[in-house]
Structure formats: structure tokens, C-alpha cells
Amino acid sequence: MTRNRAIAAIAVAVALGVGLLVLQRWVAETKTAAIVLVGIWFVVVGLATLVAVRGRPELRAAALGTYAAIALASAVVGYWTGFRDDKVDEDVVMATMAARGEERNAALTGEMPDRARPDREPTGPVELVNGDFTGADGHAGSGVATVVREPDGARMLTFTEFEVDPGPGVEVWLTRSESSLDDRIELGGLKGNVGNQQYEIPADADLAEYDTVVLYCTPFTVRIAVAPLR
């Protein structure tokens, strides 16, 4: 009897777990589609479970209890990762002027312009490029992405007036275009979906080539927002 209850609980858990993984990871292309498909899957598995335990009261508690526990956990995790805003407010570096000409071109490719060499007198942070965020793949997004070169030659990618849809496992990438994602420079995980924040750009990154910011949700394999840098 105990063995049968365990089998019933495992069967429900596997059916729900595999379905949720496949639907969210490989089938759904947007968060809305994932919510709809997951809801349908819960209904399908719930009805199948009720049919399976009909006339078998000894299995009912194990099967339905497992179903209820997974449904509750999924709702809590889904809300925590997909609907709750994660706000940050970093003291981002702000440019005092815009770089132009040879200085700007050299800074974009990762070279240290003459004005930023150690033997020169430091200047304030300068703006190299910027771009506005727009939502992608069914998500909403707004804000400004700016590349700022500091006096020592370091480059920072800043997000200001920033707000995008929340999501789990969102990464910050620099790519060659909005749709070409395999060739990329990874800057780390998104610190928050709302608020000012900044990311250090590798010294050898060529921003003349990698001129698009992409926020990418890795669990759902979709873009959250993009910002072409110009």
C-alpha cells in the first residue's frame, strides 16, 4: 500500500515537472505564453490525476497532495521570479561630456586614448555611445543604456531611468545585433529590473562591433529588452 502511494506521488510529480520544464524552456516564447501553457498543463494533469485515483481512495491523498504542493510551489516561485520587481539604485558614473572623433573611436575599440594615458592629466568621465531600451519578445522595457569611459580608461555600461519586465535568470549581453545572440560579450546577471545600475565592460571588448545591449532570460530563452548603442 505504501509503495503504491509513493508511486502515485512520483507519477504526478514527474508528469508536472517534465511538462513544466518542456513548456517553459522549449515551447513558450513569451512569459504570457508560458503562463497560459502552464495553466493548461496543470488542468490536464489535474483531470488525469482525478481519473486515475477514482475508485482508489488509498491513492487519493498521495496523488492530490503532491499535485497541490507542486501547484502552490509553482505559484510562489512564479510570482517571486516573474512578477515581483527587484529594485536597485546604484550610484552610476555620469559623463561630464561626450567623446568625439578619434578619441571616441579609440575608446570604443578598447584602446586607451591619449587623454586617458597614465602620463596625462585625468579628465572627467566621457560618454561614448548610448541607446534607448525597448521591450522584446512580448516584454516591456524602457530606460537609457550609456557607455561611459572613466579617466583611467575603464568603460562602464550604465542603465538609467531603467525599468523592464521582471524575469528569472536575466543576463546582460553585448551583441553585434538584436537578433545575433551566439556571438556575445557577457557582462553578468541583471542586478534588478528597476533602477539605476552599471556593469564593467572588459578592456578588450570592441564596442564598434558589439554595439547592442541585450537583456536575455536564459530559462525561457527569450529577450526581455534591447538597446542599440549609437
C-alpha atoms as a PDB file:
ATOM      1  CA  MET A   1       0.000   0.000   0.000  1.00  0.00           C
ATOM      2  CA  THR A   2       2.765   2.452   0.949  1.00  0.00           C
ATOM      3  CA  ARG A   3       4.617   1.549  -2.227  1.00  0.00           C
ATOM      4  CA  ASN A   4       1.561   2.298  -4.354  1.00  0.00           C
ATOM      5  CA  ARG A   5       1.096   5.692  -2.708  1.00  0.00           C
ATOM      6  CA  ALA A   6       4.723   6.531  -3.334  1.00  0.00           C
ATOM      7  CA  ILE A   7       4.395   5.523  -6.989  1.00  0.00           C
ATOM      8  CA  ALA A   8       1.276   7.682  -7.366  1.00  0.00           C
ATOM      9  CA  ALA A   9       3.014  10.701  -5.835  1.00  0.00           C
ATOM     10  CA  ILE A  10       6.102  10.243  -8.010  1.00  0.00           C
ATOM     11  CA  ALA A  11       3.991   9.837 -11.152  1.00  0.00           C
ATOM     12  CA  VAL A  12       2.186  13.118 -10.502  1.00  0.00           C
ATOM     13  CA  ALA A  13       5.448  14.923  -9.697  1.00  0.00           C
ATOM     14  CA  VAL A  14       7.168  13.636 -12.838  1.00  0.00           C
ATOM     15  CA  ALA A  15       4.219  14.484 -15.077  1.00  0.00           C
ATOM     16  CA  LEU A  16       4.023  18.023 -13.755  1.00  0.00           C
ATOM     17  CA  GLY A  17       7.771  18.571 -13.565  1.00  0.00           C
ATOM     18  CA  VAL A  18       8.611  17.346 -17.050  1.00  0.00           C
ATOM     19  CA  GLY A  19       5.692  19.217 -18.566  1.00  0.00           C
ATOM     20  CA  LEU A  20       6.594  22.479 -16.831  1.00  0.00           C
ATOM     21  CA  LEU A  21      10.227  22.188 -17.896  1.00  0.00           C
ATOM     22  CA  VAL A  22       9.441  21.449 -21.532  1.00  0.00           C
ATOM     23  CA  LEU A  23       6.719  24.065 -21.872  1.00  0.00           C
ATOM     24  CA  GLN A  24       8.664  26.883 -20.225  1.00  0.00           C
ATOM     25  CA  ARG A  25      12.119  26.055 -21.550  1.00  0.00           C
ATOM     26  CA  TRP A  26      11.458  24.978 -25.132  1.00  0.00           C
ATOM     27  CA  VAL A  27       7.866  25.687 -26.157  1.00  0.00           C
ATOM     28  CA  ALA A  28       6.770  29.067 -24.781  1.00  0.00           C
ATOM     29  CA  GLU A  29       8.345  32.073 -26.485  1.00  0.00           C
ATOM     30  CA  THR A  30       6.968  34.726 -24.129  1.00  0.00           C
ATOM     31  CA  LYS A  31       6.070  34.962 -20.460  1.00  0.00           C
ATOM     32  CA  THR A  32       2.380  35.241 -21.312  1.00  0.00           C
ATOM     33  CA  ALA A  33       2.535  32.104 -23.447  1.00  0.00           C
ATOM     34  CA  ALA A  34       4.350  30.274 -20.651  1.00  0.00           C
ATOM     35  CA  ILE A  35       1.649  31.227 -18.130  1.00  0.00           C
ATOM     36  CA  VAL A  36      -1.134  30.056 -20.442  1.00  0.00           C
ATOM     37  CA  LEU A  37       0.573  26.769 -21.329  1.00  0.00           C
ATOM     38  CA  VAL A  38       1.488  26.022 -17.725  1.00  0.00           C
ATOM     39  CA  GLY A  39      -2.086  26.691 -16.640  1.00  0.00           C
ATOM     40  CA  ILE A  40      -3.408  24.338 -19.305  1.00  0.00           C
ATOM     41  CA  TRP A  41      -0.903  21.679 -18.297  1.00  0.00           C
ATOM     42  CA  PHE A  42      -1.954  21.874 -14.657  1.00  0.00           C
ATOM     43  CA  VAL A  43      -5.569  21.412 -15.704  1.00  0.00           C
ATOM     44  CA  VAL A  44      -4.700  18.417 -17.905  1.00  0.00           C
ATOM     45  CA  VAL A  45      -2.619  16.711 -15.234  1.00  0.00           C
ATOM     46  CA  GLY A  46      -5.214  17.511 -12.572  1.00  0.00           C
ATOM     47  CA  LEU A  47      -8.020  15.916 -14.570  1.00  0.00           C
ATOM     48  CA  ALA A  48      -5.828  12.906 -15.397  1.00  0.00           C
ATOM     49  CA  THR A  49      -4.994  12.504 -11.708  1.00  0.00           C
ATOM     50  CA  LEU A  50      -8.651  12.607 -10.690  1.00  0.00           C
ATOM     51  CA  VAL A  51      -9.484   9.938 -13.266  1.00  0.00           C
ATOM     52  CA  ALA A  52      -6.556   7.770 -12.169  1.00  0.00           C
ATOM     53  CA  VAL A  53      -7.447   7.785  -8.466  1.00  0.00           C
ATOM     54  CA  ARG A  54     -11.193   7.447  -8.968  1.00  0.00           C
ATOM     55  CA  GLY A  55     -12.290   4.399  -7.060  1.00  0.00           C
ATOM     56  CA  ARG A  56      -8.879   4.143  -5.345  1.00  0.00           C
ATOM     57  CA  PRO A  57      -9.184   6.214  -2.170  1.00  0.00           C
ATOM     58  CA  GLU A  58      -5.928   4.803  -0.797  1.00  0.00           C
ATOM     59  CA  LEU A  59      -4.023   6.715  -3.517  1.00  0.00           C
ATOM     60  CA  ARG A  60      -6.060   9.889  -3.497  1.00  0.00           C
ATOM     61  CA  ALA A  61      -4.287  11.694  -0.667  1.00  0.00           C
ATOM     62  CA  ALA A  62      -0.799  10.986  -2.011  1.00  0.00           C
ATOM     63  CA  ALA A  63      -1.588  11.943  -5.601  1.00  0.00           C
ATOM     64  CA  LEU A  64      -3.689  15.025  -4.912  1.00  0.00           C
ATOM     65  CA  GLY A  65      -1.428  16.137  -2.068  1.00  0.00           C
ATOM     66  CA  THR A  66       1.583  16.049  -4.405  1.00  0.00           C
ATOM     67  CA  TYR A  67      -0.380  17.921  -7.055  1.00  0.00           C
ATOM     68  CA  ALA A  68      -1.428  20.631  -4.590  1.00  0.00           C
ATOM     69  CA  ALA A  69       2.095  21.017  -3.192  1.00  0.00           C
ATOM     70  CA  ILE A  70       3.634  21.456  -6.641  1.00  0.00           C
ATOM     71  CA  ALA A  71       0.896  23.855  -7.720  1.00  0.00           C
ATOM     72  CA  LEU A  72       1.471  26.015  -4.637  1.00  0.00           C
ATOM     73  CA  ALA A  73       5.249  25.949  -5.025  1.00  0.00           C
ATOM     74  CA  SER A  74       4.975  26.841  -8.721  1.00  0.00           C
ATOM     75  CA  ALA A  75       2.705  29.786  -7.938  1.00  0.00           C
ATOM     76  CA  VAL A  76       5.070  31.113  -5.262  1.00  0.00           C
ATOM     77  CA  VAL A  77       8.212  30.690  -7.375  1.00  0.00           C
ATOM     78  CA  GLY A  78       6.481  32.086 -10.460  1.00  0.00           C
ATOM     79  CA  TYR A  79       5.383  35.201  -8.626  1.00  0.00           C
ATOM     80  CA  TRP A  80       8.754  35.678  -6.917  1.00  0.00           C
ATOM     81  CA  THR A  81      10.778  35.403 -10.136  1.00  0.00           C
ATOM     82  CA  GLY A  82       8.378  36.648 -12.795  1.00  0.00           C
ATOM     83  CA  PHE A  83       6.143  39.326 -11.270  1.00  0.00           C
ATOM     84  CA  ARG A  84       7.896  40.861  -8.272  1.00  0.00           C
ATOM     85  CA  ASP A  85      10.010  43.925  -9.084  1.00  0.00           C
ATOM     86  CA  ASP A  86      13.632  43.785  -7.948  1.00  0.00           C
ATOM     87  CA  LYS A  87      14.646  47.413  -7.428  1.00  0.00           C
ATOM     88  CA  VAL A  88      18.212  48.714  -7.282  1.00  0.00           C
ATOM     89  CA  ASP A  89      19.648  52.227  -7.060  1.00  0.00           C
ATOM     90  CA  GLU A  90      23.371  52.229  -7.728  1.00  0.00           C
ATOM     91  CA  ASP A  91      25.444  55.398  -7.820  1.00  0.00           C
ATOM     92  CA  VAL A  92      26.304  55.074 -11.510  1.00  0.00           C
ATOM     93  CA  VAL A  93      29.127  57.002 -13.140  1.00  0.00           C
ATOM     94  CA  MET A  94      27.817  60.022 -15.057  1.00  0.00           C
ATOM     95  CA  ALA A  95      29.546  61.561 -18.054  1.00  0.00           C
ATOM     96  CA  THR A  96      30.549  65.219 -17.941  1.00  0.00           C
ATOM     97  CA  MET A  97      30.953  65.468 -21.715  1.00  0.00           C
ATOM     98  CA  ALA A  98      30.689  63.412 -24.897  1.00  0.00           C
ATOM     99  CA  ALA A  99      33.756  61.951 -26.582  1.00  0.00           C
ATOM    100  CA  ARG A 100      34.145  62.625 -30.284  1.00  0.00           C
ATOM    101  CA  GLY A 101      36.350  61.857 -33.235  1.00  0.00           C
ATOM    102  CA  GLU A 102      39.498  59.787 -32.803  1.00  0.00           C
ATOM    103  CA  GLU A 103      39.186  59.778 -29.026  1.00  0.00           C
ATOM    104  CA  ARG A 104      35.742  58.187 -29.207  1.00  0.00           C
ATOM    105  CA  ASN A 105      36.725  55.665 -31.897  1.00  0.00           C
ATOM    106  CA  ALA A 106      39.785  54.545 -29.949  1.00  0.00           C
ATOM    107  CA  ALA A 107      37.824  54.216 -26.711  1.00  0.00           C
ATOM    108  CA  LEU A 108      35.147  52.103 -28.395  1.00  0.00           C
ATOM    109  CA  THR A 109      37.663  49.546 -29.623  1.00  0.00           C
ATOM    110  CA  GLY A 110      39.306  49.285 -26.216  1.00  0.00           C
ATOM    111  CA  GLU A 111      42.389  51.366 -26.913  1.00  0.00           C
ATOM    112  CA  MET A 112      43.435  53.954 -24.370  1.00  0.00           C
ATOM    113  CA  PRO A 113      43.159  57.424 -25.913  1.00  0.00           C
ATOM    114  CA  ASP A 114      45.986  59.884 -25.320  1.00  0.00           C
ATOM    115  CA  ARG A 115      43.887  61.889 -22.880  1.00  0.00           C
ATOM    116  CA  ALA A 116      43.384  58.755 -20.728  1.00  0.00           C
ATOM    117  CA  ARG A 117      47.013  57.602 -20.611  1.00  0.00           C
ATOM    118  CA  PRO A 118      48.603  57.494 -17.137  1.00  0.00           C
ATOM    119  CA  ASP A 119      51.107  60.228 -18.045  1.00  0.00           C
ATOM    120  CA  ARG A 120      48.310  62.635 -18.952  1.00  0.00           C
ATOM    121  CA  GLU A 121      46.236  64.731 -16.595  1.00  0.00           C
ATOM    122  CA  PRO A 122      42.953  62.890 -15.874  1.00  0.00           C
ATOM    123  CA  THR A 123      39.722  64.240 -17.266  1.00  0.00           C
ATOM    124  CA  GLY A 124      36.178  63.588 -16.193  1.00  0.00           C
ATOM    125  CA  PRO A 125      34.092  60.632 -17.390  1.00  0.00           C
ATOM    126  CA  VAL A 126      33.045  60.937 -21.029  1.00  0.00           C
ATOM    127  CA  GLU A 127      30.105  59.414 -22.875  1.00  0.00           C
ATOM    128  CA  LEU A 128      30.976  57.186 -25.826  1.00  0.00           C
ATOM    129  CA  VAL A 129      27.582  55.883 -27.026  1.00  0.00           C
ATOM    130  CA  ASN A 130      24.058  55.484 -25.733  1.00  0.00           C
ATOM    131  CA  GLY A 131      20.730  53.978 -26.717  1.00  0.00           C
ATOM    132  CA  ASP A 132      17.158  53.610 -25.536  1.00  0.00           C
ATOM    133  CA  PHE A 133      15.781  50.318 -24.243  1.00  0.00           C
ATOM    134  CA  THR A 134      12.696  48.845 -25.862  1.00  0.00           C
ATOM    135  CA  GLY A 135      10.912  45.664 -24.884  1.00  0.00           C
ATOM    136  CA  ALA A 136      11.452  42.485 -26.892  1.00  0.00           C
ATOM    137  CA  ASP A 137       9.709  39.139 -27.435  1.00  0.00           C
ATOM    138  CA  GLY A 138       6.478  40.260 -25.816  1.00  0.00           C
ATOM    139  CA  HIS A 139       8.061  42.073 -22.860  1.00  0.00           C
ATOM    140  CA  ALA A 140       8.086  45.746 -21.878  1.00  0.00           C
ATOM    141  CA  GLY A 141      11.210  47.790 -21.298  1.00  0.00           C
ATOM    142  CA  SER A 142      12.384  51.394 -21.081  1.00  0.00           C
ATOM    143  CA  GLY A 143      15.415  53.381 -19.999  1.00  0.00           C
ATOM    144  CA  VAL A 144      18.763  54.537 -21.327  1.00  0.00           C
ATOM    145  CA  ALA A 145      21.913  52.456 -21.774  1.00  0.00           C
ATOM    146  CA  THR A 146      25.130  54.501 -21.862  1.00  0.00           C
ATOM    147  CA  VAL A 147      28.778  53.551 -22.243  1.00  0.00           C
ATOM    148  CA  VAL A 148      30.965  55.876 -20.166  1.00  0.00           C
ATOM    149  CA  ARG A 149      34.749  55.919 -20.257  1.00  0.00           C
ATOM    150  CA  GLU A 150      36.347  56.869 -16.947  1.00  0.00           C
ATOM    151  CA  PRO A 151      39.583  58.894 -16.686  1.00  0.00           C
ATOM    152  CA  ASP A 152      41.677  55.739 -16.212  1.00  0.00           C
ATOM    153  CA  GLY A 153      40.327  54.249 -19.452  1.00  0.00           C
ATOM    154  CA  ALA A 154      37.850  51.823 -17.847  1.00  0.00           C
ATOM    155  CA  ARG A 155      34.459  51.629 -19.540  1.00  0.00           C
ATOM    156  CA  MET A 156      31.158  51.213 -17.750  1.00  0.00           C
ATOM    157  CA  LEU A 157      27.751  50.331 -19.161  1.00  0.00           C
ATOM    158  CA  THR A 158      25.129  52.251 -17.187  1.00  0.00           C
ATOM    159  CA  PHE A 159      21.341  51.841 -17.118  1.00  0.00           C
ATOM    160  CA  THR A 160      19.380  54.932 -16.060  1.00  0.00           C
ATOM    161  CA  GLU A 161      15.632  55.638 -15.842  1.00  0.00           C
ATOM    162  CA  PHE A 162      15.522  51.877 -16.257  1.00  0.00           C
ATOM    163  CA  GLU A 163      12.560  49.517 -15.969  1.00  0.00           C
ATOM    164  CA  VAL A 164      11.871  46.180 -17.668  1.00  0.00           C
ATOM    165  CA  ASP A 165       9.574  43.245 -17.009  1.00  0.00           C
ATOM    166  CA  PRO A 166      10.895  41.008 -14.219  1.00  0.00           C
ATOM    167  CA  GLY A 167      12.075  37.530 -15.081  1.00  0.00           C
ATOM    168  CA  PRO A 168      14.326  34.741 -13.792  1.00  0.00           C
ATOM    169  CA  GLY A 169      17.934  34.335 -14.871  1.00  0.00           C
ATOM    170  CA  VAL A 170      18.188  37.542 -16.940  1.00  0.00           C
ATOM    171  CA  GLU A 171      21.692  38.145 -18.337  1.00  0.00           C
ATOM    172  CA  VAL A 172      23.257  41.346 -19.694  1.00  0.00           C
ATOM    173  CA  TRP A 173      24.931  40.822 -23.068  1.00  0.00           C
ATOM    174  CA  LEU A 174      26.652  42.923 -25.695  1.00  0.00           C
ATOM    175  CA  THR A 175      25.977  41.551 -29.176  1.00  0.00           C
ATOM    176  CA  ARG A 176      26.541  42.501 -32.799  1.00  0.00           C
ATOM    177  CA  SER A 177      22.804  42.921 -33.433  1.00  0.00           C
ATOM    178  CA  GLU A 178      19.425  42.486 -31.763  1.00  0.00           C
ATOM    179  CA  SER A 179      18.948  39.008 -33.222  1.00  0.00           C
ATOM    180  CA  SER A 180      22.507  37.614 -33.417  1.00  0.00           C
ATOM    181  CA  LEU A 181      22.968  36.253 -29.902  1.00  0.00           C
ATOM    182  CA  ASP A 182      25.517  33.440 -30.213  1.00  0.00           C
ATOM    183  CA  ASP A 183      28.451  35.827 -30.623  1.00  0.00           C
ATOM    184  CA  ARG A 184      28.306  37.936 -27.488  1.00  0.00           C
ATOM    185  CA  ILE A 185      30.131  39.529 -24.566  1.00  0.00           C
ATOM    186  CA  GLU A 186      28.593  38.560 -21.248  1.00  0.00           C
ATOM    187  CA  LEU A 187      28.563  41.203 -18.512  1.00  0.00           C
ATOM    188  CA  GLY A 188      26.791  39.192 -15.803  1.00  0.00           C
ATOM    189  CA  GLY A 189      23.320  38.845 -14.393  1.00  0.00           C
ATOM    190  CA  LEU A 190      20.879  41.743 -14.353  1.00  0.00           C
ATOM    191  CA  LYS A 191      21.077  43.352 -10.910  1.00  0.00           C
ATOM    192  CA  GLY A 192      17.455  44.468 -10.850  1.00  0.00           C
ATOM    193  CA  ASN A 193      14.634  45.041 -13.277  1.00  0.00           C
ATOM    194  CA  VAL A 194      14.026  48.567 -11.952  1.00  0.00           C
ATOM    195  CA  GLY A 195      16.505  51.317 -11.121  1.00  0.00           C
ATOM    196  CA  ASN A 196      19.931  52.714 -11.971  1.00  0.00           C
ATOM    197  CA  GLN A 197      22.790  50.208 -12.273  1.00  0.00           C
ATOM    198  CA  GLN A 198      26.092  49.706 -14.054  1.00  0.00           C
ATOM    199  CA  TYR A 199      28.334  46.951 -15.430  1.00  0.00           C
ATOM    200  CA  GLU A 200      32.046  46.939 -16.170  1.00  0.00           C
ATOM    201  CA  ILE A 201      32.958  46.275 -19.799  1.00  0.00           C
ATOM    202  CA  PRO A 202      36.028  44.086 -20.483  1.00  0.00           C
ATOM    203  CA  ALA A 203      39.044  46.094 -21.578  1.00  0.00           C
ATOM    204  CA  ASP A 204      39.408  44.183 -24.853  1.00  0.00           C
ATOM    205  CA  ALA A 205      35.730  44.431 -25.875  1.00  0.00           C
ATOM    206  CA  ASP A 206      35.312  46.115 -29.259  1.00  0.00           C
ATOM    207  CA  LEU A 207      32.183  48.205 -28.923  1.00  0.00           C
ATOM    208  CA  ALA A 208      32.392  49.279 -32.536  1.00  0.00           C
ATOM    209  CA  GLU A 209      31.377  45.671 -33.300  1.00  0.00           C
ATOM    210  CA  TYR A 210      29.403  44.688 -30.203  1.00  0.00           C
ATOM    211  CA  ASP A 211      27.089  47.662 -30.249  1.00  0.00           C
ATOM    212  CA  THR A 212      23.792  46.280 -28.947  1.00  0.00           C
ATOM    213  CA  VAL A 213      22.725  45.627 -25.351  1.00  0.00           C
ATOM    214  CA  VAL A 214      20.505  42.563 -24.989  1.00  0.00           C
ATOM    215  CA  LEU A 215      18.808  41.500 -21.757  1.00  0.00           C
ATOM    216  CA  TYR A 216      18.247  37.770 -22.149  1.00  0.00           C
ATOM    217  CA  CYS A 217      16.142  35.467 -19.985  1.00  0.00           C
ATOM    218  CA  THR A 218      18.063  32.187 -20.090  1.00  0.00           C
ATOM    219  CA  PRO A 219      15.379  29.870 -18.598  1.00  0.00           C
ATOM    220  CA  PHE A 220      12.837  30.921 -21.234  1.00  0.00           C
ATOM    221  CA  THR A 221      15.416  31.609 -23.990  1.00  0.00           C
ATOM    222  CA  VAL A 222      13.822  34.963 -24.839  1.00  0.00           C
ATOM    223  CA  ARG A 223      14.938  38.571 -24.913  1.00  0.00           C
ATOM    224  CA  ILE A 224      13.496  40.920 -22.308  1.00  0.00           C
ATOM    225  CA  ALA A 225      14.730  44.182 -23.814  1.00  0.00           C
ATOM    226  CA  VAL A 226      17.292  45.531 -26.281  1.00  0.00           C
ATOM    227  CA  ALA A 227      19.151  48.825 -26.677  1.00  0.00           C
ATOM    228  CA  PRO A 228      21.145  49.578 -29.856  1.00  0.00           C
ATOM    229  CA  LEU A 229      24.088  51.818 -28.951  1.00  0.00           C
ATOM    230  CA  ARG A 230      24.673  54.766 -31.259  1.00  0.00           C
END
